[in-house]
Amino acid sequence: MDFYRRLALAGEMIPYGKVVTYGQLALLCGCPRNSRQVGYALNHGLADDVCRKGFAFPAYRVVNSRGILSGASAFETADMQRLLLEAEGVVVKDNRVDLKVYGWKNTMEDAVFLRKSFEEKGI
C-alpha cells in the first residue's frame, strides 16, 4: 500500500503539458524495477484511492519508455488519453509522444522533495 501512496504523491508533481514513463514513476517512488506495478496501479485506480481529496491521478500523462500511449484499455474510449494530452498542448503523432519535447525532466530536487515527503508520511 505504501507504494501506491508514494505513487499518488509523485503523480501530483507531474507538470501540466508533460508526460512521464512508468519506469520514471517507479524510480521516483524508490522502486526502480516496479514499472509494471505502476501500470497495474493505474489500471486498477489504486493511486486514485490514496490521492488527496479533489485530486485524481493524471494517468493519461503516463506513457511507456518509448513515448507510446499504452494505457488505452484503462480509459473510457481508446482515444481518451490522446485527447486529454492534446488538450494540454502535447502533440501526439502515430499514438506516440516525443519524450525529448514533452517528457517531464524531473530534477534531483524533485526526487529529494518526494523522498522527504515519503519519510514525513512514514511511507
PDB file of N, CA and C in Angstrom:
ATOM      1  N   MET A   1       0.813  -1.188   0.000  1.00  0.00           N
ATOM      2  CA  MET A   1       0.000   0.000   0.000  1.00  0.00           C
ATOM      3  C   MET A   1       0.863   1.261   0.000  1.00  0.00           C
ATOM      4  N   ASP A   2       2.027   1.211   0.661  1.00  0.00           N
ATOM      5  CA  ASP A   2       2.902   2.376   0.682  1.00  0.00           C
ATOM      6  C   ASP A   2       3.336   2.778  -0.722  1.00  0.00           C
ATOM      7  N   PHE A   3       3.559   1.794  -1.586  1.00  0.00           N
ATOM      8  CA  PHE A   3       3.959   2.103  -2.964  1.00  0.00           C
ATOM      9  C   PHE A   3       2.883   2.955  -3.635  1.00  0.00           C
ATOM     10  N   TYR A   4       1.628   2.625  -3.436  1.00  0.00           N
ATOM     11  CA  TYR A   4       0.543   3.371  -4.069  1.00  0.00           C
ATOM     12  C   TYR A   4       0.417   4.773  -3.481  1.00  0.00           C
ATOM     13  N   ARG A   5       0.693   4.901  -2.205  1.00  0.00           N
ATOM     14  CA  ARG A   5       0.681   6.230  -1.589  1.00  0.00           C
ATOM     15  C   ARG A   5       1.827   7.073  -2.141  1.00  0.00           C
ATOM     16  N   ARG A   6       2.977   6.458  -2.335  1.00  0.00           N
ATOM     17  CA  ARG A   6       4.106   7.165  -2.945  1.00  0.00           C
ATOM     18  C   ARG A   6       3.770   7.563  -4.378  1.00  0.00           C
ATOM     19  N   LEU A   7       3.153   6.649  -5.093  1.00  0.00           N
ATOM     20  CA  LEU A   7       2.770   6.910  -6.473  1.00  0.00           C
ATOM     21  C   LEU A   7       1.809   8.094  -6.559  1.00  0.00           C
ATOM     22  N   ALA A   8       0.873   8.162  -5.651  1.00  0.00           N
ATOM     23  CA  ALA A   8      -0.084   9.275  -5.632  1.00  0.00           C
ATOM     24  C   ALA A   8       0.635  10.605  -5.430  1.00  0.00           C
ATOM     25  N   LEU A   9       1.619  10.642  -4.530  1.00  0.00           N
ATOM     26  CA  LEU A   9       2.378  11.875  -4.305  1.00  0.00           C
ATOM     27  C   LEU A   9       3.190  12.258  -5.539  1.00  0.00           C
ATOM     28  N   ALA A  10       3.797  11.282  -6.178  1.00  0.00           N
ATOM     29  CA  ALA A  10       4.575  11.558  -7.391  1.00  0.00           C
ATOM     30  C   ALA A  10       3.660  12.063  -8.496  1.00  0.00           C
ATOM     31  N   GLY A  11       2.471  11.507  -8.592  1.00  0.00           N
ATOM     32  CA  GLY A  11       1.521  11.924  -9.621  1.00  0.00           C
ATOM     33  C   GLY A  11       1.108  13.369  -9.487  1.00  0.00           C
ATOM     34  N   GLU A  12       1.042  13.857  -8.257  1.00  0.00           N
ATOM     35  CA  GLU A  12       0.678  15.258  -8.032  1.00  0.00           C
ATOM     36  C   GLU A  12       1.729  16.212  -8.576  1.00  0.00           C
ATOM     37  N   MET A  13       2.936  15.727  -8.774  1.00  0.00           N
ATOM     38  CA  MET A  13       4.030  16.582  -9.228  1.00  0.00           C
ATOM     39  C   MET A  13       4.178  16.632 -10.747  1.00  0.00           C
ATOM     40  N   ILE A  14       3.507  15.751 -11.475  1.00  0.00           N
ATOM     41  CA  ILE A  14       3.664  15.745 -12.935  1.00  0.00           C
ATOM     42  C   ILE A  14       3.122  17.061 -13.484  1.00  0.00           C
ATOM     43  N   PRO A  15       3.966  17.826 -14.147  1.00  0.00           N
ATOM     44  CA  PRO A  15       3.519  19.136 -14.640  1.00  0.00           C
ATOM     45  C   PRO A  15       2.477  19.041 -15.759  1.00  0.00           C
ATOM     46  N   TYR A  16       1.637  20.033 -15.822  1.00  0.00           N
ATOM     47  CA  TYR A  16       0.666  20.193 -16.893  1.00  0.00           C
ATOM     48  C   TYR A  16       1.430  20.236 -18.221  1.00  0.00           C
ATOM     49  N   GLY A  17       0.946  19.493 -19.213  1.00  0.00           N
ATOM     50  CA  GLY A  17       1.574  19.510 -20.531  1.00  0.00           C
ATOM     51  C   GLY A  17       2.813  18.649 -20.649  1.00  0.00           C
ATOM     52  N   LYS A  18       3.063  17.805 -19.655  1.00  0.00           N
ATOM     53  CA  LYS A  18       4.222  16.905 -19.676  1.00  0.00           C
ATOM     54  C   LYS A  18       3.758  15.475 -19.460  1.00  0.00           C
ATOM     55  N   VAL A  19       4.599  14.527 -19.862  1.00  0.00           N
ATOM     56  CA  VAL A  19       4.313  13.115 -19.643  1.00  0.00           C
ATOM     57  C   VAL A  19       5.486  12.487 -18.904  1.00  0.00           C
ATOM     58  N   VAL A  20       5.217  11.356 -18.273  1.00  0.00           N
ATOM     59  CA  VAL A  20       6.255  10.578 -17.592  1.00  0.00           C
ATOM     60  C   VAL A  20       6.128   9.135 -18.048  1.00  0.00           C
ATOM     61  N   THR A  21       7.161   8.372 -17.812  1.00  0.00           N
ATOM     62  CA  THR A  21       7.109   6.950 -18.132  1.00  0.00           C
ATOM     63  C   THR A  21       6.791   6.150 -16.868  1.00  0.00           C
ATOM     64  N   TYR A  22       6.338   4.929 -17.080  1.00  0.00           N
ATOM     65  CA  TYR A  22       6.060   4.043 -15.952  1.00  0.00           C
ATOM     66  C   TYR A  22       7.330   3.853 -15.126  1.00  0.00           C
ATOM     67  N   GLY A  23       8.452   3.657 -15.807  1.00  0.00           N
ATOM     68  CA  GLY A  23       9.721   3.456 -15.122  1.00  0.00           C
ATOM     69  C   GLY A  23      10.178   4.674 -14.343  1.00  0.00           C
ATOM     70  N   GLN A  24       9.946   5.851 -14.895  1.00  0.00           N
ATOM     71  CA  GLN A  24      10.309   7.089 -14.215  1.00  0.00           C
ATOM     72  C   GLN A  24       9.522   7.224 -12.914  1.00  0.00           C
ATOM     73  N   LEU A  25       8.239   6.905 -12.954  1.00  0.00           N
ATOM     74  CA  LEU A  25       7.429   6.963 -11.734  1.00  0.00           C
ATOM     75  C   LEU A  25       7.895   5.931 -10.717  1.00  0.00           C
ATOM     76  N   ALA A  26       8.208   4.732 -11.184  1.00  0.00           N
ATOM     77  CA  ALA A  26       8.695   3.704 -10.268  1.00  0.00           C
ATOM     78  C   ALA A  26       9.979   4.162  -9.582  1.00  0.00           C
ATOM     79  N   LEU A  27      10.878   4.758 -10.356  1.00  0.00           N
ATOM     80  CA  LEU A  27      12.128   5.266  -9.795  1.00  0.00           C
ATOM     81  C   LEU A  27      11.867   6.361  -8.767  1.00  0.00           C
ATOM     82  N   LEU A  28      10.987   7.294  -9.091  1.00  0.00           N
ATOM     83  CA  LEU A  28      10.660   8.362  -8.153  1.00  0.00           C
ATOM     84  C   LEU A  28      10.031   7.829  -6.867  1.00  0.00           C
ATOM     85  N   CYS A  29       9.372   6.682  -6.966  1.00  0.00           N
ATOM     86  CA  CYS A  29       8.758   6.066  -5.786  1.00  0.00           C
ATOM     87  C   CYS A  29       9.758   5.226  -4.994  1.00  0.00           C
ATOM     88  N   GLY A  30      10.994   5.158  -5.481  1.00  0.00           N
ATOM     89  CA  GLY A  30      12.026   4.401  -4.779  1.00  0.00           C
ATOM     90  C   GLY A  30      12.068   2.932  -5.136  1.00  0.00           C
ATOM     91  N   CYS A  31      11.362   2.537  -6.184  1.00  0.00           N
ATOM     92  CA  CYS A  31      11.309   1.134  -6.611  1.00  0.00           C
ATOM     93  C   CYS A  31      11.586   1.055  -8.114  1.00  0.00           C
ATOM     94  N   PRO A  32      12.841   1.248  -8.528  1.00  0.00           N
ATOM     95  CA  PRO A  32      13.154   1.380  -9.950  1.00  0.00           C
ATOM     96  C   PRO A  32      12.783   0.185 -10.826  1.00  0.00           C
ATOM     97  N   ARG A  33      12.563  -0.955 -10.268  1.00  0.00           N
ATOM     98  CA  ARG A  33      12.213  -2.137 -11.072  1.00  0.00           C
ATOM     99  C   ARG A  33      10.714  -2.426 -11.094  1.00  0.00           C
ATOM    100  N   ASN A  34       9.922  -1.489 -10.618  1.00  0.00           N
ATOM    101  CA  ASN A  34       8.490  -1.739 -10.461  1.00  0.00           C
ATOM    102  C   ASN A  34       7.614  -0.993 -11.476  1.00  0.00           C
ATOM    103  N   SER A  35       8.084  -0.831 -12.697  1.00  0.00           N
ATOM    104  CA  SER A  35       7.279  -0.110 -13.682  1.00  0.00           C
ATOM    105  C   SER A  35       5.971  -0.847 -13.980  1.00  0.00           C
ATOM    106  N   ARG A  36       5.990  -2.160 -13.940  1.00  0.00           N
ATOM    107  CA  ARG A  36       4.749  -2.918 -14.160  1.00  0.00           C
ATOM    108  C   ARG A  36       3.755  -2.696 -13.025  1.00  0.00           C
ATOM    109  N   GLN A  37       4.262  -2.516 -11.818  1.00  0.00           N
ATOM    110  CA  GLN A  37       3.382  -2.247 -10.682  1.00  0.00           C
ATOM    111  C   GLN A  37       2.725  -0.882 -10.844  1.00  0.00           C
ATOM    112  N   VAL A  38       3.438   0.070 -11.431  1.00  0.00           N
ATOM    113  CA  VAL A  38       2.846   1.380 -11.722  1.00  0.00           C
ATOM    114  C   VAL A  38       1.674   1.191 -12.676  1.00  0.00           C
ATOM    115  N   GLY A  39       1.896   0.431 -13.745  1.00  0.00           N
ATOM    116  CA  GLY A  39       0.827   0.163 -14.707  1.00  0.00           C
ATOM    117  C   GLY A  39      -0.358  -0.521 -14.065  1.00  0.00           C
ATOM    118  N   TYR A  40      -0.091  -1.490 -13.225  1.00  0.00           N
ATOM    119  CA  TYR A  40      -1.167  -2.207 -12.528  1.00  0.00           C
ATOM    120  C   TYR A  40      -1.965  -1.238 -11.653  1.00  0.00           C
ATOM    121  N   ALA A  41      -1.245  -0.399 -10.910  1.00  0.00           N
ATOM    122  CA  ALA A  41      -1.911   0.556 -10.015  1.00  0.00           C
ATOM    123  C   ALA A  41      -2.789   1.525 -10.795  1.00  0.00           C
ATOM    124  N   LEU A  42      -2.292   2.023 -11.913  1.00  0.00           N
ATOM    125  CA  LEU A  42      -3.066   2.969 -12.701  1.00  0.00           C
ATOM    126  C   LEU A  42      -4.269   2.297 -13.343  1.00  0.00           C
ATOM    127  N   ASN A  43      -4.090   1.091 -13.828  1.00  0.00           N
ATOM    128  CA  ASN A  43      -5.181   0.363 -14.476  1.00  0.00           C
ATOM    129  C   ASN A  43      -6.301   0.019 -13.504  1.00  0.00           C
ATOM    130  N   HIS A  44      -5.951  -0.155 -12.238  1.00  0.00           N
ATOM    131  CA  HIS A  44      -6.939  -0.531 -11.227  1.00  0.00           C
ATOM    132  C   HIS A  44      -7.330   0.628 -10.305  1.00  0.00           C
ATOM    133  N   GLY A  45      -6.865   1.833 -10.608  1.00  0.00           N
ATOM    134  CA  GLY A  45      -7.247   3.002  -9.815  1.00  0.00           C
ATOM    135  C   GLY A  45      -6.689   3.019  -8.407  1.00  0.00           C
ATOM    136  N   LEU A  46      -5.613   2.280  -8.168  1.00  0.00           N
ATOM    137  CA  LEU A  46      -5.081   2.191  -6.808  1.00  0.00           C
ATOM    138  C   LEU A  46      -4.401   3.478  -6.350  1.00  0.00           C
ATOM    139  N   ALA A  47      -3.854   4.241  -7.278  1.00  0.00           N
ATOM    140  CA  ALA A  47      -3.250   5.526  -6.897  1.00  0.00           C
ATOM    141  C   ALA A  47      -4.351   6.540  -6.607  1.00  0.00           C
ATOM    142  N   ASP A  48      -5.467   6.452  -7.337  1.00  0.00           N
ATOM    143  CA  ASP A  48      -6.596   7.354  -7.081  1.00  0.00           C
ATOM    144  C   ASP A  48      -7.143   7.161  -5.672  1.00  0.00           C
ATOM    145  N   ASP A  49      -7.136   5.920  -5.213  1.00  0.00           N
ATOM    146  CA  ASP A  49      -7.697   5.604  -3.897  1.00  0.00           C
ATOM    147  C   ASP A  49      -6.974   6.300  -2.755  1.00  0.00           C
ATOM    148  N   VAL A  50      -5.712   6.648  -2.973  1.00  0.00           N
ATOM    149  CA  VAL A  50      -4.943   7.254  -1.887  1.00  0.00           C
ATOM    150  C   VAL A  50      -4.576   8.709  -2.165  1.00  0.00           C
ATOM    151  N   CYS A  51      -5.030   9.256  -3.274  1.00  0.00           N
ATOM    152  CA  CYS A  51      -4.766  10.662  -3.581  1.00  0.00           C
ATOM    153  C   CYS A  51      -5.532  11.551  -2.618  1.00  0.00           C
ATOM    154  N   ARG A  52      -4.997  12.735  -2.397  1.00  0.00           N
ATOM    155  CA  ARG A  52      -5.703  13.667  -1.512  1.00  0.00           C
ATOM    156  C   ARG A  52      -7.022  14.079  -2.144  1.00  0.00           C
ATOM    157  N   LYS A  53      -7.910  14.527  -1.323  1.00  0.00           N
ATOM    158  CA  LYS A  53      -9.249  14.918  -1.794  1.00  0.00           C
ATOM    159  C   LYS A  53      -9.169  15.932  -2.922  1.00  0.00           C
ATOM    160  N   GLY A  54      -9.989  15.744  -3.928  1.00  0.00           N
ATOM    161  CA  GLY A  54     -10.045  16.679  -5.037  1.00  0.00           C
ATOM    162  C   GLY A  54      -8.979  16.466  -6.086  1.00  0.00           C
ATOM    163  N   PHE A  55      -8.166  15.428  -5.935  1.00  0.00           N
ATOM    164  CA  PHE A  55      -7.095  15.166  -6.891  1.00  0.00           C
ATOM    165  C   PHE A  55      -7.212  13.737  -7.394  1.00  0.00           C
ATOM    166  N   ALA A  56      -7.311  13.576  -8.689  1.00  0.00           N
ATOM    167  CA  ALA A  56      -7.289  12.245  -9.293  1.00  0.00           C
ATOM    168  C   ALA A  56      -5.944  12.083  -9.985  1.00  0.00           C
ATOM    169  N   PHE A  57      -5.371  10.926  -9.892  1.00  0.00           N
ATOM    170  CA  PHE A  57      -4.076  10.686 -10.513  1.00  0.00           C
ATOM    171  C   PHE A  57      -4.188  10.917 -12.018  1.00  0.00           C
ATOM    172  N   PRO A  58      -3.288  11.715 -12.595  1.00  0.00           N
ATOM    173  CA  PRO A  58      -3.344  12.001 -14.028  1.00  0.00           C
ATOM    174  C   PRO A  58      -2.741  10.869 -14.860  1.00  0.00           C
ATOM    175  N   ALA A  59      -3.412   9.735 -14.872  1.00  0.00           N
ATOM    176  CA  ALA A  59      -2.905   8.542 -15.552  1.00  0.00           C
ATOM    177  C   ALA A  59      -2.682   8.772 -17.039  1.00  0.00           C
ATOM    178  N   TYR A  60      -3.425   9.692 -17.615  1.00  0.00           N
ATOM    179  CA  TYR A  60      -3.268   9.955 -19.048  1.00  0.00           C
ATOM    180  C   TYR A  60      -1.896  10.554 -19.367  1.00  0.00           C
ATOM    181  N   ARG A  61      -1.187  11.061 -18.374  1.00  0.00           N
ATOM    182  CA  ARG A  61       0.148  11.627 -18.582  1.00  0.00           C
ATOM    183  C   ARG A  61       1.250  10.578 -18.507  1.00  0.00           C
ATOM    184  N   VAL A  62       0.895   9.319 -18.372  1.00  0.00           N
ATOM    185  CA  VAL A  62       1.882   8.251 -18.252  1.00  0.00           C
ATOM    186  C   VAL A  62       1.938   7.469 -19.562  1.00  0.00           C
ATOM    187  N   VAL A  63       3.150   7.352 -20.103  1.00  0.00           N
ATOM    188  CA  VAL A  63       3.382   6.641 -21.363  1.00  0.00           C
ATOM    189  C   VAL A  63       4.486   5.612 -21.151  1.00  0.00           C
ATOM    190  N   ASN A  64       4.675   4.751 -22.144  1.00  0.00           N
ATOM    191  CA  ASN A  64       5.746   3.770 -21.971  1.00  0.00           C
ATOM    192  C   ASN A  64       7.103   4.391 -22.279  1.00  0.00           C
ATOM    193  N   SER A  65       8.151   3.620 -22.159  1.00  0.00           N
ATOM    194  CA  SER A  65       9.516   4.145 -22.262  1.00  0.00           C
ATOM    195  C   SER A  65       9.864   4.681 -23.645  1.00  0.00           C
ATOM    196  N   ARG A  66       9.050   4.366 -24.643  1.00  0.00           N
ATOM    197  CA  ARG A  66       9.275   4.890 -25.996  1.00  0.00           C
ATOM    198  C   ARG A  66       8.311   6.025 -26.337  1.00  0.00           C
ATOM    199  N   GLY A  67       7.529   6.456 -25.337  1.00  0.00           N
ATOM    200  CA  GLY A  67       6.596   7.552 -25.553  1.00  0.00           C
ATOM    201  C   GLY A  67       5.265   7.120 -26.136  1.00  0.00           C
ATOM    202  N   ILE A  68       5.048   5.820 -26.233  1.00  0.00           N
ATOM    203  CA  ILE A  68       3.807   5.304 -26.821  1.00  0.00           C
ATOM    204  C   ILE A  68       2.690   5.328 -25.789  1.00  0.00           C
ATOM    205  N   LEU A  69       1.517   5.775 -26.228  1.00  0.00           N
ATOM    206  CA  LEU A  69       0.340   5.763 -25.365  1.00  0.00           C
ATOM    207  C   LEU A  69      -0.096   4.310 -25.227  1.00  0.00           C
ATOM    208  N   SER A  70       0.139   3.742 -24.068  1.00  0.00           N
ATOM    209  CA  SER A  70      -0.094   2.311 -23.910  1.00  0.00           C
ATOM    210  C   SER A  70      -1.211   1.964 -22.932  1.00  0.00           C
ATOM    211  N   GLY A  71      -1.949   2.972 -22.465  1.00  0.00           N
ATOM    212  CA  GLY A  71      -2.967   2.692 -21.465  1.00  0.00           C
ATOM    213  C   GLY A  71      -4.388   2.789 -21.960  1.00  0.00           C
ATOM    214  N   ALA A  72      -4.613   2.605 -23.266  1.00  0.00           N
ATOM    215  CA  ALA A  72      -5.947   2.809 -23.845  1.00  0.00           C
ATOM    216  C   ALA A  72      -7.036   2.007 -23.144  1.00  0.00           C
ATOM    217  N   SER A  73      -6.719   0.808 -22.703  1.00  0.00           N
ATOM    218  CA  SER A  73      -7.742  -0.037 -22.084  1.00  0.00           C
ATOM    219  C   SER A  73      -8.227   0.516 -20.744  1.00  0.00           C
ATOM    220  N   ALA A  74      -7.463   1.418 -20.152  1.00  0.00           N
ATOM    221  CA  ALA A  74      -7.825   1.972 -18.849  1.00  0.00           C
ATOM    222  C   ALA A  74      -8.754   3.181 -18.957  1.00  0.00           C
ATOM    223  N   PHE A  75      -9.010   3.643 -20.167  1.00  0.00           N
ATOM    224  CA  PHE A  75      -9.827   4.835 -20.362  1.00  0.00           C
ATOM    225  C   PHE A  75     -11.174   4.465 -20.964  1.00  0.00           C
ATOM    226  N   GLU A  76     -12.120   5.384 -20.869  1.00  0.00           N
ATOM    227  CA  GLU A  76     -13.472   5.138 -21.378  1.00  0.00           C
ATOM    228  C   GLU A  76     -13.488   4.830 -22.864  1.00  0.00           C
ATOM    229  N   THR A  77     -12.669   5.541 -23.629  1.00  0.00           N
ATOM    230  CA  THR A  77     -12.578   5.289 -25.072  1.00  0.00           C
ATOM    231  C   THR A  77     -11.111   5.119 -25.441  1.00  0.00           C
ATOM    232  N   ALA A  78     -10.870   4.489 -26.569  1.00  0.00           N
ATOM    233  CA  ALA A  78      -9.499   4.204 -26.992  1.00  0.00           C
ATOM    234  C   ALA A  78      -8.680   5.470 -27.247  1.00  0.00           C
ATOM    235  N   ASP A  79      -9.338   6.573 -27.595  1.00  0.00           N
ATOM    236  CA  ASP A  79      -8.597   7.797 -27.896  1.00  0.00           C
ATOM    237  C   ASP A  79      -8.629   8.822 -26.759  1.00  0.00           C
ATOM    238  N   MET A  80      -9.153   8.460 -25.618  1.00  0.00           N
ATOM    239  CA  MET A  80      -9.283   9.390 -24.498  1.00  0.00           C
ATOM    240  C   MET A  80      -7.934   9.920 -24.024  1.00  0.00           C
ATOM    241  N   GLN A  81      -6.941   9.067 -23.897  1.00  0.00           N
ATOM    242  CA  GLN A  81      -5.627   9.512 -23.440  1.00  0.00           C
ATOM    243  C   GLN A  81      -5.054  10.542 -24.414  1.00  0.00           C
ATOM    244  N   ARG A  82      -5.157  10.274 -25.687  1.00  0.00           N
ATOM    245  CA  ARG A  82      -4.665  11.209 -26.704  1.00  0.00           C
ATOM    246  C   ARG A  82      -5.386  12.551 -26.595  1.00  0.00           C
ATOM    247  N   LEU A  83      -6.696  12.502 -26.466  1.00  0.00           N
ATOM    248  CA  LEU A  83      -7.488  13.730 -26.386  1.00  0.00           C
ATOM    249  C   LEU A  83      -7.118  14.565 -25.154  1.00  0.00           C
ATOM    250  N   LEU A  84      -6.930  13.914 -24.030  1.00  0.00           N
ATOM    251  CA  LEU A  84      -6.565  14.628 -22.804  1.00  0.00           C
ATOM    252  C   LEU A  84      -5.179  15.259 -22.913  1.00  0.00           C
ATOM    253  N   LEU A  85      -4.248  14.536 -23.513  1.00  0.00           N
ATOM    254  CA  LEU A  85      -2.901  15.090 -23.695  1.00  0.00           C
ATOM    255  C   LEU A  85      -2.921  16.263 -24.666  1.00  0.00           C
ATOM    256  N   GLU A  86      -3.629  16.109 -25.759  1.00  0.00           N
ATOM    257  CA  GLU A  86      -3.703  17.180 -26.745  1.00  0.00           C
ATOM    258  C   GLU A  86      -4.363  18.432 -26.155  1.00  0.00           C
ATOM    259  N   ALA A  87      -5.304  18.237 -25.256  1.00  0.00           N
ATOM    260  CA  ALA A  87      -5.951  19.377 -24.591  1.00  0.00           C
ATOM    261  C   ALA A  87      -4.947  20.169 -23.751  1.00  0.00           C
ATOM    262  N   GLU A  88      -3.856  19.528 -23.349  1.00  0.00           N
ATOM    263  CA  GLU A  88      -2.802  20.199 -22.579  1.00  0.00           C
ATOM    264  C   GLU A  88      -1.679  20.706 -23.478  1.00  0.00           C
ATOM    265  N   GLY A  89      -1.850  20.548 -24.795  1.00  0.00           N
ATOM    266  CA  GLY A  89      -0.842  21.037 -25.726  1.00  0.00           C
ATOM    267  C   GLY A  89       0.217  20.028 -26.110  1.00  0.00           C
ATOM    268  N   VAL A  90       0.070  18.791 -25.671  1.00  0.00           N
ATOM    269  CA  VAL A  90       1.025  17.736 -26.005  1.00  0.00           C
ATOM    270  C   VAL A  90       0.691  17.205 -27.401  1.00  0.00           C
ATOM    271  N   VAL A  91       1.681  17.189 -28.270  1.00  0.00           N
ATOM    272  CA  VAL A  91       1.477  16.688 -29.625  1.00  0.00           C
ATOM    273  C   VAL A  91       1.621  15.166 -29.623  1.00  0.00           C
ATOM    274  N   VAL A  92       0.590  14.498 -30.114  1.00  0.00           N
ATOM    275  CA  VAL A  92       0.601  13.042 -30.213  1.00  0.00           C
ATOM    276  C   VAL A  92       0.552  12.696 -31.695  1.00  0.00           C
ATOM    277  N   LYS A  93       1.583  12.004 -32.170  1.00  0.00           N
ATOM    278  CA  LYS A  93       1.651  11.625 -33.574  1.00  0.00           C
ATOM    279  C   LYS A  93       1.861  10.117 -33.654  1.00  0.00           C
ATOM    280  N   ASP A  94       0.997   9.454 -34.390  1.00  0.00           N
ATOM    281  CA  ASP A  94       1.064   7.992 -34.519  1.00  0.00           C
ATOM    282  C   ASP A  94       1.044   7.308 -33.158  1.00  0.00           C
ATOM    283  N   ASN A  95       0.184   7.811 -32.275  1.00  0.00           N
ATOM    284  CA  ASN A  95      -0.003   7.241 -30.937  1.00  0.00           C
ATOM    285  C   ASN A  95       1.259   7.336 -30.076  1.00  0.00           C
ATOM    286  N   ARG A  96       2.096   8.321 -30.365  1.00  0.00           N
ATOM    287  CA  ARG A  96       3.367   8.473 -29.664  1.00  0.00           C
ATOM    288  C   ARG A  96       3.618   9.944 -29.323  1.00  0.00           C
ATOM    289  N   VAL A  97       4.293  10.145 -28.193  1.00  0.00           N
ATOM    290  CA  VAL A  97       4.675  11.475 -27.727  1.00  0.00           C
ATOM    291  C   VAL A  97       6.201  11.565 -27.789  1.00  0.00           C
ATOM    292  N   ASP A  98       6.713  12.690 -28.222  1.00  0.00           N
ATOM    293  CA  ASP A  98       8.155  12.907 -28.248  1.00  0.00           C
ATOM    294  C   ASP A  98       8.618  13.210 -26.820  1.00  0.00           C
ATOM    295  N   LEU A  99       9.288  12.237 -26.209  1.00  0.00           N
ATOM    296  CA  LEU A  99       9.720  12.396 -24.814  1.00  0.00           C
ATOM    297  C   LEU A  99      10.765  13.496 -24.655  1.00  0.00           C
ATOM    298  N   LYS A 100      11.531  13.762 -25.706  1.00  0.00           N
ATOM    299  CA  LYS A 100      12.528  14.831 -25.622  1.00  0.00           C
ATOM    300  C   LYS A 100      11.855  16.193 -25.488  1.00  0.00           C
ATOM    301  N   VAL A 101      10.684  16.320 -26.072  1.00  0.00           N
ATOM    302  CA  VAL A 101       9.958  17.593 -26.025  1.00  0.00           C
ATOM    303  C   VAL A 101       8.989  17.639 -24.856  1.00  0.00           C
ATOM    304  N   TYR A 102       8.215  16.565 -24.649  1.00  0.00           N
ATOM    305  CA  TYR A 102       7.117  16.585 -23.686  1.00  0.00           C
ATOM    306  C   TYR A 102       7.365  15.760 -22.427  1.00  0.00           C
ATOM    307  N   GLY A 103       8.501  15.082 -22.365  1.00  0.00           N
ATOM    308  CA  GLY A 103       8.798  14.299 -21.173  1.00  0.00           C
ATOM    309  C   GLY A 103       9.154  15.194 -19.998  1.00  0.00           C
ATOM    310  N   TRP A 104       8.650  14.844 -18.824  1.00  0.00           N
ATOM    311  CA  TRP A 104       8.977  15.589 -17.609  1.00  0.00           C
ATOM    312  C   TRP A 104      10.406  15.259 -17.222  1.00  0.00           C
ATOM    313  N   LYS A 105      11.244  16.251 -17.223  1.00  0.00           N
ATOM    314  CA  LYS A 105      12.631  16.077 -16.825  1.00  0.00           C
ATOM    315  C   LYS A 105      12.745  16.476 -15.353  1.00  0.00           C
ATOM    316  N   ASN A 106      12.318  15.550 -14.503  1.00  0.00           N
ATOM    317  CA  ASN A 106      12.358  15.848 -13.076  1.00  0.00           C
ATOM    318  C   ASN A 106      13.801  16.063 -12.635  1.00  0.00           C
ATOM    319  N   THR A 107      13.955  16.886 -11.626  1.00  0.00           N
ATOM    320  CA  THR A 107      15.282  17.228 -11.124  1.00  0.00           C
ATOM    321  C   THR A 107      15.604  16.417  -9.868  1.00  0.00           C
ATOM    322  N   MET A 108      16.843  16.525  -9.460  1.00  0.00           N
ATOM    323  CA  MET A 108      17.254  15.897  -8.209  1.00  0.00           C
ATOM    324  C   MET A 108      16.478  16.514  -7.053  1.00  0.00           C
ATOM    325  N   GLU A 109      16.188  17.807  -7.158  1.00  0.00           N
ATOM    326  CA  GLU A 109      15.412  18.473  -6.111  1.00  0.00           C
ATOM    327  C   GLU A 109      14.007  17.875  -6.010  1.00  0.00           C
ATOM    328  N   ASP A 110      13.402  17.532  -7.155  1.00  0.00           N
ATOM    329  CA  ASP A 110      12.091  16.883  -7.151  1.00  0.00           C
ATOM    330  C   ASP A 110      12.174  15.544  -6.415  1.00  0.00           C
ATOM    331  N   ALA A 111      13.214  14.772  -6.716  1.00  0.00           N
ATOM    332  CA  ALA A 111      13.381  13.457  -6.099  1.00  0.00           C
ATOM    333  C   ALA A 111      13.615  13.581  -4.596  1.00  0.00           C
ATOM    334  N   VAL A 112      14.423  14.553  -4.197  1.00  0.00           N
ATOM    335  CA  VAL A 112      14.699  14.769  -2.773  1.00  0.00           C
ATOM    336  C   VAL A 112      13.424  15.216  -2.046  1.00  0.00           C
ATOM    337  N   PHE A 113      12.653  16.105  -2.682  1.00  0.00           N
ATOM    338  CA  PHE A 113      11.384  16.547  -2.098  1.00  0.00           C
ATOM    339  C   PHE A 113      10.455  15.356  -1.874  1.00  0.00           C
ATOM    340  N   LEU A 114      10.342  14.488  -2.881  1.00  0.00           N
ATOM    341  CA  LEU A 114       9.488  13.296  -2.731  1.00  0.00           C
ATOM    342  C   LEU A 114       9.995  12.403  -1.610  1.00  0.00           C
ATOM    343  N   ARG A 115      11.295  12.185  -1.576  1.00  0.00           N
ATOM    344  CA  ARG A 115      11.882  11.325  -0.545  1.00  0.00           C
ATOM    345  C   ARG A 115      11.565  11.859   0.850  1.00  0.00           C
ATOM    346  N   LYS A 116      11.706  13.173   1.028  1.00  0.00           N
ATOM    347  CA  LYS A 116      11.395  13.781   2.329  1.00  0.00           C
ATOM    348  C   LYS A 116       9.902  13.647   2.640  1.00  0.00           C
ATOM    349  N   SER A 117       9.077  13.824   1.616  1.00  0.00           N
ATOM    350  CA  SER A 117       7.627  13.673   1.808  1.00  0.00           C
ATOM    351  C   SER A 117       7.285  12.257   2.238  1.00  0.00           C
ATOM    352  N   PHE A 118       7.933  11.268   1.622  1.00  0.00           N
ATOM    353  CA  PHE A 118       7.691   9.867   1.987  1.00  0.00           C
ATOM    354  C   PHE A 118       8.088   9.634   3.441  1.00  0.00           C
ATOM    355  N   GLU A 119       9.242  10.171   3.819  1.00  0.00           N
ATOM    356  CA  GLU A 119       9.717   9.986   5.196  1.00  0.00           C
ATOM    357  C   GLU A 119       8.775  10.649   6.208  1.00  0.00           C
ATOM    358  N   GLU A 120       8.321  11.858   5.885  1.00  0.00           N
ATOM    359  CA  GLU A 120       7.419  12.575   6.789  1.00  0.00           C
ATOM    360  C   GLU A 120       6.104  11.835   6.978  1.00  0.00           C
ATOM    361  N   LYS A 121       5.646  11.186   5.921  1.00  0.00           N
ATOM    362  CA  LYS A 121       4.368  10.453   5.974  1.00  0.00           C
ATOM    363  C   LYS A 121       4.561   9.009   6.416  1.00  0.00           C
ATOM    364  N   GLY A 122       5.800   8.604   6.607  1.00  0.00           N
ATOM    365  CA  GLY A 122       6.082   7.243   7.047  1.00  0.00           C
ATOM    366  C   GLY A 122       5.778   6.188   6.003  1.00  0.00           C
ATOM    367  N   ILE A 123       5.972   6.566   4.752  1.00  0.00           N
ATOM    368  CA  ILE A 123       5.717   5.600   3.678  1.00  0.00           C
ATOM    369  C   ILE A 123       6.978   5.263   2.915  1.00  0.00           C
TER     370      ILE A 123
END
